[in-house]
N, C-alpha and C. Protein backbone atom coordinates (compact mmCIF):
# COMPACT_ATOMS: atom_id res chain seq x y z
N MET A 1 20.65 17.58 24.42
CA MET A 1 19.28 17.20 24.82
C MET A 1 18.27 17.96 24.02
N HIS A 2 18.53 19.27 23.88
CA HIS A 2 17.67 20.09 23.11
C HIS A 2 17.50 19.63 21.67
N ARG A 3 18.60 19.21 21.05
CA ARG A 3 18.58 18.72 19.65
C ARG A 3 17.75 17.45 19.58
N ILE A 4 17.85 16.60 20.58
CA ILE A 4 17.11 15.36 20.53
C ILE A 4 15.60 15.66 20.59
N LEU A 5 15.24 16.52 21.49
CA LEU A 5 13.80 16.88 21.66
C LEU A 5 13.30 17.58 20.37
N THR A 6 14.07 18.43 19.79
CA THR A 6 13.73 19.12 18.54
C THR A 6 13.52 18.08 17.41
N PHE A 7 14.48 17.13 17.33
CA PHE A 7 14.44 16.03 16.31
C PHE A 7 13.14 15.20 16.51
N CYS A 8 12.87 14.84 17.75
CA CYS A 8 11.66 14.01 18.06
C CYS A 8 10.38 14.79 17.68
N GLY A 9 10.41 16.08 17.98
CA GLY A 9 9.25 16.91 17.67
C GLY A 9 8.97 16.99 16.17
N LEU A 10 10.10 17.19 15.43
CA LEU A 10 9.98 17.23 13.96
C LEU A 10 9.53 15.90 13.39
N LEU A 11 10.06 14.85 13.97
CA LEU A 11 9.72 13.50 13.54
C LEU A 11 8.24 13.22 13.74
N MET A 12 7.70 13.67 14.88
CA MET A 12 6.24 13.51 15.17
C MET A 12 5.42 14.33 14.16
N VAL A 13 5.84 15.57 13.88
CA VAL A 13 5.09 16.40 12.98
C VAL A 13 5.02 15.80 11.56
N ILE A 14 6.09 15.10 11.18
CA ILE A 14 6.15 14.44 9.88
C ILE A 14 5.40 13.08 9.92
N MET A 15 5.57 12.32 10.91
CA MET A 15 5.00 10.93 10.93
C MET A 15 3.49 10.92 11.18
N VAL A 16 2.99 11.75 11.99
CA VAL A 16 1.55 11.70 12.33
C VAL A 16 0.68 11.92 11.11
N PRO A 17 0.91 12.99 10.30
CA PRO A 17 0.13 13.11 9.09
C PRO A 17 0.35 12.01 8.09
N LEU A 18 1.57 11.48 8.01
CA LEU A 18 1.86 10.41 7.13
C LEU A 18 1.08 9.15 7.51
N GLY A 19 1.02 8.88 8.79
CA GLY A 19 0.23 7.72 9.30
C GLY A 19 -1.24 7.91 8.98
N CYS A 20 -1.74 9.06 9.12
CA CYS A 20 -3.16 9.33 8.82
C CYS A 20 -3.45 9.12 7.33
N SER A 21 -2.50 9.61 6.48
CA SER A 21 -2.73 9.51 5.08
C SER A 21 -2.59 8.04 4.60
N LEU A 22 -1.85 7.22 5.31
CA LEU A 22 -1.80 5.83 4.93
C LEU A 22 -3.12 5.12 5.17
N SER A 23 -3.78 5.44 6.26
CA SER A 23 -5.03 4.79 6.51
C SER A 23 -6.07 5.35 5.52
N GLY A 24 -5.97 6.65 5.17
CA GLY A 24 -6.85 7.17 4.13
C GLY A 24 -6.61 6.46 2.75
N ASN A 25 -5.34 6.14 2.51
CA ASN A 25 -5.01 5.44 1.30
C ASN A 25 -5.65 4.04 1.31
N ASP A 26 -5.63 3.40 2.44
CA ASP A 26 -6.28 2.07 2.53
C ASP A 26 -7.76 2.14 2.19
N ALA A 27 -8.46 3.10 2.82
CA ALA A 27 -9.88 3.28 2.61
C ALA A 27 -10.16 3.58 1.13
N ASN A 28 -9.32 4.43 0.54
CA ASN A 28 -9.45 4.74 -0.89
C ASN A 28 -9.20 3.51 -1.73
N SER A 29 -8.14 2.74 -1.40
CA SER A 29 -7.86 1.51 -2.14
C SER A 29 -9.02 0.51 -2.07
N ILE A 30 -9.58 0.36 -0.93
CA ILE A 30 -10.71 -0.53 -0.80
C ILE A 30 -11.86 -0.20 -1.73
N GLY A 31 -12.22 1.06 -1.76
CA GLY A 31 -13.29 1.54 -2.63
C GLY A 31 -12.91 1.31 -4.12
N LYS A 32 -11.68 1.64 -4.47
CA LYS A 32 -11.23 1.53 -5.85
C LYS A 32 -11.27 0.03 -6.31
N VAL A 33 -10.82 -0.84 -5.49
CA VAL A 33 -10.80 -2.29 -5.85
C VAL A 33 -12.28 -2.75 -6.03
N ALA A 34 -13.12 -2.40 -5.12
CA ALA A 34 -14.54 -2.86 -5.20
C ALA A 34 -15.20 -2.28 -6.47
N GLN A 35 -14.94 -1.02 -6.78
CA GLN A 35 -15.54 -0.41 -7.93
C GLN A 35 -14.97 -1.02 -9.22
N ALA A 36 -13.62 -1.26 -9.28
CA ALA A 36 -13.04 -1.90 -10.50
C ALA A 36 -13.61 -3.26 -10.69
N TRP A 37 -13.73 -4.02 -9.58
CA TRP A 37 -14.25 -5.35 -9.67
C TRP A 37 -15.72 -5.32 -10.20
N ALA A 38 -16.54 -4.44 -9.64
CA ALA A 38 -17.95 -4.33 -10.01
C ALA A 38 -18.04 -3.91 -11.46
N ASP A 39 -17.28 -2.93 -11.91
CA ASP A 39 -17.31 -2.56 -13.35
C ASP A 39 -16.96 -3.72 -14.25
N SER A 40 -15.95 -4.49 -13.90
CA SER A 40 -15.55 -5.63 -14.68
C SER A 40 -16.63 -6.73 -14.62
N TYR A 41 -16.98 -7.15 -13.43
CA TYR A 41 -17.87 -8.30 -13.28
C TYR A 41 -19.24 -8.03 -13.91
N PHE A 42 -19.80 -6.89 -13.68
CA PHE A 42 -21.15 -6.59 -14.19
C PHE A 42 -21.18 -6.18 -15.69
N ASN A 43 -19.99 -6.04 -16.27
CA ASN A 43 -19.88 -5.87 -17.69
C ASN A 43 -19.33 -7.10 -18.40
N PHE A 44 -19.35 -8.14 -17.65
CA PHE A 44 -19.00 -9.54 -18.15
C PHE A 44 -17.51 -9.64 -18.56
N ASP A 45 -16.65 -8.80 -18.04
CA ASP A 45 -15.21 -8.96 -18.22
C ASP A 45 -14.68 -9.81 -17.08
N TYR A 46 -15.03 -11.08 -17.10
CA TYR A 46 -14.74 -11.96 -15.99
C TYR A 46 -13.21 -12.17 -15.87
N GLU A 47 -12.48 -12.08 -17.01
CA GLU A 47 -11.04 -12.28 -16.95
C GLU A 47 -10.43 -11.18 -16.05
N LYS A 48 -10.85 -9.91 -16.27
CA LYS A 48 -10.32 -8.84 -15.40
C LYS A 48 -10.81 -8.95 -13.98
N ALA A 49 -12.13 -9.29 -13.84
CA ALA A 49 -12.69 -9.40 -12.51
C ALA A 49 -11.95 -10.47 -11.68
N GLU A 50 -11.50 -11.50 -12.32
CA GLU A 50 -10.81 -12.54 -11.63
C GLU A 50 -9.45 -12.08 -11.07
N THR A 51 -8.82 -11.12 -11.66
CA THR A 51 -7.61 -10.59 -11.12
C THR A 51 -7.75 -9.77 -9.86
N LEU A 52 -9.01 -9.41 -9.62
CA LEU A 52 -9.29 -8.53 -8.45
C LEU A 52 -9.95 -9.30 -7.26
N VAL A 53 -10.01 -10.62 -7.38
CA VAL A 53 -10.59 -11.40 -6.29
C VAL A 53 -9.58 -12.34 -5.63
N THR A 54 -9.90 -12.83 -4.47
CA THR A 54 -9.02 -13.82 -3.75
C THR A 54 -9.08 -15.11 -4.54
N THR A 55 -8.09 -15.93 -4.32
CA THR A 55 -7.95 -17.23 -5.02
C THR A 55 -9.18 -18.06 -4.79
N ASP A 56 -9.70 -18.11 -3.54
CA ASP A 56 -10.86 -18.93 -3.24
C ASP A 56 -12.15 -18.39 -3.90
N SER A 57 -12.13 -17.20 -4.50
CA SER A 57 -13.27 -16.68 -5.20
C SER A 57 -13.35 -16.97 -6.65
N HIS A 58 -12.23 -17.51 -7.22
CA HIS A 58 -12.19 -17.85 -8.68
C HIS A 58 -13.37 -18.76 -9.06
N LYS A 59 -13.75 -19.67 -8.16
CA LYS A 59 -14.83 -20.59 -8.52
C LYS A 59 -16.15 -19.89 -8.81
N TRP A 60 -16.36 -18.75 -8.15
CA TRP A 60 -17.64 -18.03 -8.33
C TRP A 60 -17.60 -17.27 -9.66
N ILE A 61 -16.44 -16.78 -10.04
CA ILE A 61 -16.31 -16.15 -11.35
C ILE A 61 -16.58 -17.17 -12.49
N ALA A 62 -15.95 -18.38 -12.29
CA ALA A 62 -16.15 -19.44 -13.24
C ALA A 62 -17.56 -19.87 -13.33
N MET A 63 -18.29 -19.94 -12.19
CA MET A 63 -19.69 -20.29 -12.19
C MET A 63 -20.56 -19.25 -12.89
N ALA A 64 -20.27 -17.98 -12.64
CA ALA A 64 -21.06 -16.95 -13.32
C ALA A 64 -20.84 -17.01 -14.83
N ALA A 65 -19.58 -17.20 -15.30
CA ALA A 65 -19.28 -17.31 -16.74
C ALA A 65 -19.96 -18.51 -17.33
N SER A 66 -19.97 -19.60 -16.64
CA SER A 66 -20.50 -20.88 -17.24
C SER A 66 -22.00 -20.87 -17.28
N ASN A 67 -22.63 -19.98 -16.57
CA ASN A 67 -24.13 -19.98 -16.59
C ASN A 67 -24.71 -18.93 -17.53
N ILE A 68 -23.88 -18.34 -18.39
CA ILE A 68 -24.44 -17.41 -19.39
C ILE A 68 -24.92 -18.25 -20.60
N SER A 69 -26.20 -18.08 -20.92
CA SER A 69 -26.81 -18.82 -22.01
C SER A 69 -26.74 -18.03 -23.31
N GLU A 70 -27.07 -18.65 -24.41
CA GLU A 70 -27.19 -17.93 -25.68
C GLU A 70 -28.15 -16.81 -25.62
N GLN A 71 -29.29 -16.96 -24.93
CA GLN A 71 -30.25 -15.91 -24.77
C GLN A 71 -29.61 -14.72 -24.04
N ASP A 72 -28.83 -15.04 -23.02
CA ASP A 72 -28.14 -13.97 -22.24
C ASP A 72 -27.18 -13.21 -23.15
N VAL A 73 -26.48 -13.94 -23.98
CA VAL A 73 -25.48 -13.28 -24.90
C VAL A 73 -26.23 -12.32 -25.79
N ASP A 74 -27.46 -12.67 -26.25
CA ASP A 74 -28.22 -11.82 -27.16
C ASP A 74 -28.65 -10.56 -26.35
N VAL A 75 -29.05 -10.75 -25.09
CA VAL A 75 -29.41 -9.57 -24.24
C VAL A 75 -28.23 -8.68 -24.02
N ILE A 76 -27.07 -9.25 -23.74
CA ILE A 76 -25.85 -8.46 -23.49
C ILE A 76 -25.51 -7.66 -24.72
N ARG A 77 -25.55 -8.26 -25.89
CA ARG A 77 -25.22 -7.59 -27.16
C ARG A 77 -26.19 -6.44 -27.44
N SER A 78 -27.45 -6.58 -27.04
CA SER A 78 -28.47 -5.55 -27.33
C SER A 78 -28.46 -4.40 -26.34
N GLN A 79 -27.74 -4.58 -25.22
CA GLN A 79 -27.73 -3.52 -24.22
C GLN A 79 -27.12 -2.19 -24.75
N GLU A 80 -27.87 -1.12 -24.52
CA GLU A 80 -27.48 0.19 -25.03
C GLU A 80 -26.28 0.80 -24.24
N PHE A 81 -26.31 0.65 -22.92
CA PHE A 81 -25.31 1.28 -22.08
C PHE A 81 -24.58 0.18 -21.25
N ALA A 82 -23.35 0.44 -21.02
CA ALA A 82 -22.52 -0.44 -20.14
C ALA A 82 -22.98 -0.17 -18.73
N ALA A 83 -22.92 -1.19 -17.87
CA ALA A 83 -23.25 -1.03 -16.42
C ALA A 83 -22.16 -0.16 -15.84
N SER A 84 -22.53 0.73 -14.87
CA SER A 84 -21.54 1.55 -14.21
C SER A 84 -21.68 1.45 -12.71
N ALA A 85 -20.50 1.41 -12.04
CA ALA A 85 -20.48 1.21 -10.61
C ALA A 85 -20.07 2.51 -9.91
N SER A 86 -20.71 2.77 -8.78
CA SER A 86 -20.26 3.87 -7.95
C SER A 86 -20.29 3.44 -6.46
N VAL A 87 -19.26 3.77 -5.73
CA VAL A 87 -19.14 3.43 -4.33
C VAL A 87 -20.09 4.30 -3.52
N GLN A 88 -20.96 3.68 -2.76
CA GLN A 88 -21.88 4.40 -1.87
C GLN A 88 -21.39 4.52 -0.43
N ASP A 89 -20.72 3.46 0.01
CA ASP A 89 -20.23 3.47 1.42
C ASP A 89 -19.16 2.44 1.57
N VAL A 90 -18.18 2.76 2.40
CA VAL A 90 -17.10 1.80 2.81
C VAL A 90 -17.17 1.67 4.29
N GLU A 91 -17.41 0.41 4.76
CA GLU A 91 -17.44 0.10 6.14
C GLU A 91 -16.15 -0.60 6.52
N TRP A 92 -15.27 0.10 7.16
CA TRP A 92 -13.97 -0.40 7.48
C TRP A 92 -13.41 0.22 8.78
N THR A 93 -12.88 -0.58 9.63
CA THR A 93 -12.22 -0.08 10.83
C THR A 93 -10.74 -0.14 10.58
N GLU A 94 -10.05 1.02 10.83
CA GLU A 94 -8.62 1.05 10.57
C GLU A 94 -7.88 -0.10 11.16
N GLY A 95 -7.04 -0.70 10.41
CA GLY A 95 -6.24 -1.85 10.89
C GLY A 95 -6.93 -3.20 10.60
N SER A 96 -8.23 -3.21 10.30
CA SER A 96 -8.95 -4.46 10.03
C SER A 96 -8.57 -4.99 8.67
N PRO A 97 -8.44 -6.32 8.51
CA PRO A 97 -8.13 -6.90 7.23
C PRO A 97 -9.34 -7.12 6.32
N GLN A 98 -10.51 -6.66 6.80
CA GLN A 98 -11.75 -6.85 6.02
C GLN A 98 -12.60 -5.60 6.03
N ALA A 99 -13.24 -5.34 4.88
CA ALA A 99 -14.18 -4.22 4.73
C ALA A 99 -15.41 -4.62 3.94
N TRP A 100 -16.44 -3.89 4.08
CA TRP A 100 -17.62 -4.05 3.28
C TRP A 100 -17.89 -2.77 2.47
N VAL A 101 -18.12 -2.94 1.20
CA VAL A 101 -18.36 -1.77 0.32
C VAL A 101 -19.71 -1.88 -0.33
N SER A 102 -20.54 -0.83 -0.19
CA SER A 102 -21.81 -0.80 -0.87
C SER A 102 -21.61 -0.12 -2.20
N ILE A 103 -21.95 -0.88 -3.24
CA ILE A 103 -21.77 -0.36 -4.65
C ILE A 103 -23.13 -0.20 -5.28
N GLU A 104 -23.38 0.88 -5.89
CA GLU A 104 -24.65 1.08 -6.65
C GLU A 104 -24.27 0.83 -8.10
N MET A 105 -25.00 -0.06 -8.76
CA MET A 105 -24.84 -0.29 -10.16
C MET A 105 -25.96 0.32 -10.95
N LYS A 106 -25.62 0.97 -11.99
CA LYS A 106 -26.63 1.61 -12.92
C LYS A 106 -26.64 0.81 -14.18
N ASP A 107 -27.80 0.64 -14.82
CA ASP A 107 -27.98 -0.08 -16.09
C ASP A 107 -27.37 -1.40 -16.04
N VAL A 108 -27.64 -2.21 -15.04
CA VAL A 108 -27.00 -3.48 -14.86
C VAL A 108 -27.97 -4.62 -15.30
N LEU A 109 -27.38 -5.64 -15.92
CA LEU A 109 -28.12 -6.79 -16.33
C LEU A 109 -28.02 -7.82 -15.24
N VAL A 110 -29.14 -8.47 -14.90
CA VAL A 110 -29.17 -9.44 -13.85
C VAL A 110 -29.88 -10.71 -14.35
N ALA A 111 -29.41 -11.85 -13.84
CA ALA A 111 -30.06 -13.13 -14.09
C ALA A 111 -30.57 -13.60 -12.74
N ASP A 112 -31.80 -13.39 -12.46
CA ASP A 112 -32.34 -13.70 -11.14
C ASP A 112 -33.39 -14.81 -11.18
N THR A 113 -33.66 -15.35 -12.40
CA THR A 113 -34.64 -16.38 -12.48
C THR A 113 -34.05 -17.49 -13.37
N ILE A 114 -34.03 -18.74 -12.85
CA ILE A 114 -33.45 -19.82 -13.55
C ILE A 114 -34.32 -20.13 -14.81
N GLY A 115 -33.70 -20.27 -15.94
CA GLY A 115 -34.37 -20.56 -17.16
C GLY A 115 -34.89 -19.40 -17.94
N ARG A 116 -34.66 -18.18 -17.42
CA ARG A 116 -35.10 -16.96 -18.09
C ARG A 116 -33.87 -16.12 -18.42
N PRO A 117 -33.92 -15.41 -19.56
CA PRO A 117 -32.78 -14.56 -19.93
C PRO A 117 -32.57 -13.38 -18.93
N MET A 118 -31.39 -12.85 -18.97
CA MET A 118 -31.09 -11.65 -18.13
C MET A 118 -32.06 -10.53 -18.50
N HIS A 119 -32.20 -9.63 -17.54
CA HIS A 119 -32.99 -8.42 -17.80
C HIS A 119 -32.31 -7.24 -17.12
N ALA A 120 -32.58 -6.08 -17.64
CA ALA A 120 -31.90 -4.87 -17.15
C ALA A 120 -32.58 -4.25 -15.94
N LEU A 121 -31.82 -3.75 -15.03
CA LEU A 121 -32.29 -2.96 -13.90
C LEU A 121 -31.64 -1.60 -14.02
N SER A 122 -32.42 -0.53 -13.79
CA SER A 122 -31.83 0.78 -13.86
C SER A 122 -30.90 1.04 -12.69
N SER A 123 -31.12 0.41 -11.52
CA SER A 123 -30.28 0.58 -10.39
C SER A 123 -30.36 -0.65 -9.49
N ALA A 124 -29.19 -1.03 -8.92
CA ALA A 124 -29.14 -2.10 -7.99
C ALA A 124 -28.02 -1.83 -6.98
N ILE A 125 -28.15 -2.33 -5.80
CA ILE A 125 -27.14 -2.13 -4.72
C ILE A 125 -26.55 -3.50 -4.38
N TYR A 126 -25.21 -3.53 -4.31
CA TYR A 126 -24.52 -4.78 -3.93
C TYR A 126 -23.56 -4.50 -2.76
N LYS A 127 -23.48 -5.35 -1.86
CA LYS A 127 -22.56 -5.21 -0.73
C LYS A 127 -21.40 -6.18 -0.98
N ILE A 128 -20.23 -5.64 -1.15
CA ILE A 128 -19.02 -6.39 -1.56
C ILE A 128 -18.04 -6.54 -0.42
N CYS A 129 -17.54 -7.74 -0.15
CA CYS A 129 -16.57 -7.96 0.88
C CYS A 129 -15.18 -7.79 0.24
N VAL A 130 -14.34 -6.97 0.82
CA VAL A 130 -12.99 -6.74 0.36
C VAL A 130 -12.06 -7.05 1.54
N VAL A 131 -10.99 -7.87 1.26
CA VAL A 131 -10.11 -8.33 2.28
C VAL A 131 -8.62 -7.99 1.92
N LYS A 132 -7.78 -7.84 2.90
CA LYS A 132 -6.39 -7.61 2.71
C LYS A 132 -5.71 -8.95 2.36
N SER A 133 -5.13 -9.02 1.22
CA SER A 133 -4.37 -10.26 0.79
C SER A 133 -2.94 -9.88 0.51
N GLY A 134 -2.07 -10.15 1.50
CA GLY A 134 -0.70 -9.65 1.39
C GLY A 134 -0.70 -8.10 1.52
N ASN A 135 -0.24 -7.42 0.49
CA ASN A 135 -0.23 -5.95 0.53
C ASN A 135 -1.31 -5.39 -0.35
N GLU A 136 -2.19 -6.23 -0.81
CA GLU A 136 -3.29 -5.78 -1.75
C GLU A 136 -4.65 -6.01 -1.12
N TRP A 137 -5.62 -5.24 -1.53
CA TRP A 137 -6.98 -5.49 -1.21
C TRP A 137 -7.63 -6.19 -2.38
N LYS A 138 -8.40 -7.26 -2.02
CA LYS A 138 -9.06 -8.10 -3.05
C LYS A 138 -10.54 -8.35 -2.63
N VAL A 139 -11.36 -8.53 -3.60
CA VAL A 139 -12.76 -8.91 -3.36
C VAL A 139 -12.82 -10.39 -2.98
N ARG A 140 -13.56 -10.67 -1.94
CA ARG A 140 -13.82 -12.04 -1.56
C ARG A 140 -15.26 -12.35 -1.84
N MET A 141 -15.49 -13.36 -2.70
CA MET A 141 -16.83 -13.75 -3.07
C MET A 141 -17.17 -14.98 -2.28
N ALA A 142 -18.33 -14.98 -1.55
CA ALA A 142 -18.76 -16.17 -0.84
C ALA A 142 -19.95 -16.77 -1.63
N GLY A 143 -20.25 -16.20 -2.78
CA GLY A 143 -21.33 -16.64 -3.67
C GLY A 143 -21.45 -15.66 -4.77
N LEU A 144 -22.49 -15.73 -5.54
CA LEU A 144 -22.76 -14.77 -6.55
C LEU A 144 -23.36 -13.52 -5.93
N PRO A 145 -23.08 -12.36 -6.48
CA PRO A 145 -23.58 -11.08 -5.87
C PRO A 145 -25.08 -11.06 -5.89
N GLN A 146 -25.62 -10.56 -4.73
CA GLN A 146 -27.08 -10.41 -4.55
C GLN A 146 -27.50 -8.96 -4.48
N ASN A 147 -28.50 -8.59 -5.20
CA ASN A 147 -29.02 -7.20 -5.17
C ASN A 147 -29.65 -6.91 -3.79
N GLU A 148 -29.04 -6.00 -3.03
CA GLU A 148 -29.55 -5.68 -1.71
C GLU A 148 -30.88 -5.03 -1.73
N MET A 149 -31.24 -4.34 -2.87
CA MET A 149 -32.52 -3.70 -2.98
C MET A 149 -33.69 -4.69 -2.94
N GLN A 150 -33.46 -5.92 -3.41
CA GLN A 150 -34.47 -6.95 -3.37
C GLN A 150 -34.74 -7.42 -1.94
N ASN A 151 -33.71 -7.27 -1.08
CA ASN A 151 -33.81 -7.79 0.27
C ASN A 151 -34.45 -6.85 1.24
N ARG A 152 -34.88 -5.66 0.77
CA ARG A 152 -35.48 -4.69 1.68
C ARG A 152 -36.98 -4.91 1.81
N ASP A 153 -37.51 -4.63 2.97
CA ASP A 153 -38.96 -4.79 3.17
C ASP A 153 -39.72 -3.49 2.84
C-alpha cells in the first residue's frame, strides 16, 4: 500500500507540471502561428500565409492576392523596410479551440481605399482569430484583416 501511495505521489509531481507546460505550449503556439501568418501575409508571401490558415480561409488569401494592382507592386518594390509583426496579446481560455491574438504591425502597407495604391503605416493593430484544426493551430480569416486602430474613437 505504501508503494502504491508513493508511486501515485510521484506520478502527481511529474504530471501536474507537465500538464501546465502543455497549456503554456498551446498559448505559445497560438502566438507563434499568428505572428508567422502576419509576417507572411503583410509581406505579400501569400503562398506561405496560405499554409497557416484553415481551408475555408484560402479564398481570402486568393482575394488579397488578386486585388494587387501594378501601382501596388510599384509601392511594394519601393518599400524600404519589411513589415514586422509582434504579438501584443493572446486571449485564450485553456481547452478552448479558439483564440484571439492582437498583432502590432510596424511599417505595414495597407490598401484601404478602392482605386488608390497602397500606402505605408508606421503602426497598425490587427485582431487575428486562431483555431485548433486537428493537432495544429491555424488562422481563420472571416474576411480581409482590418486595422483595429482605425476603429477606435
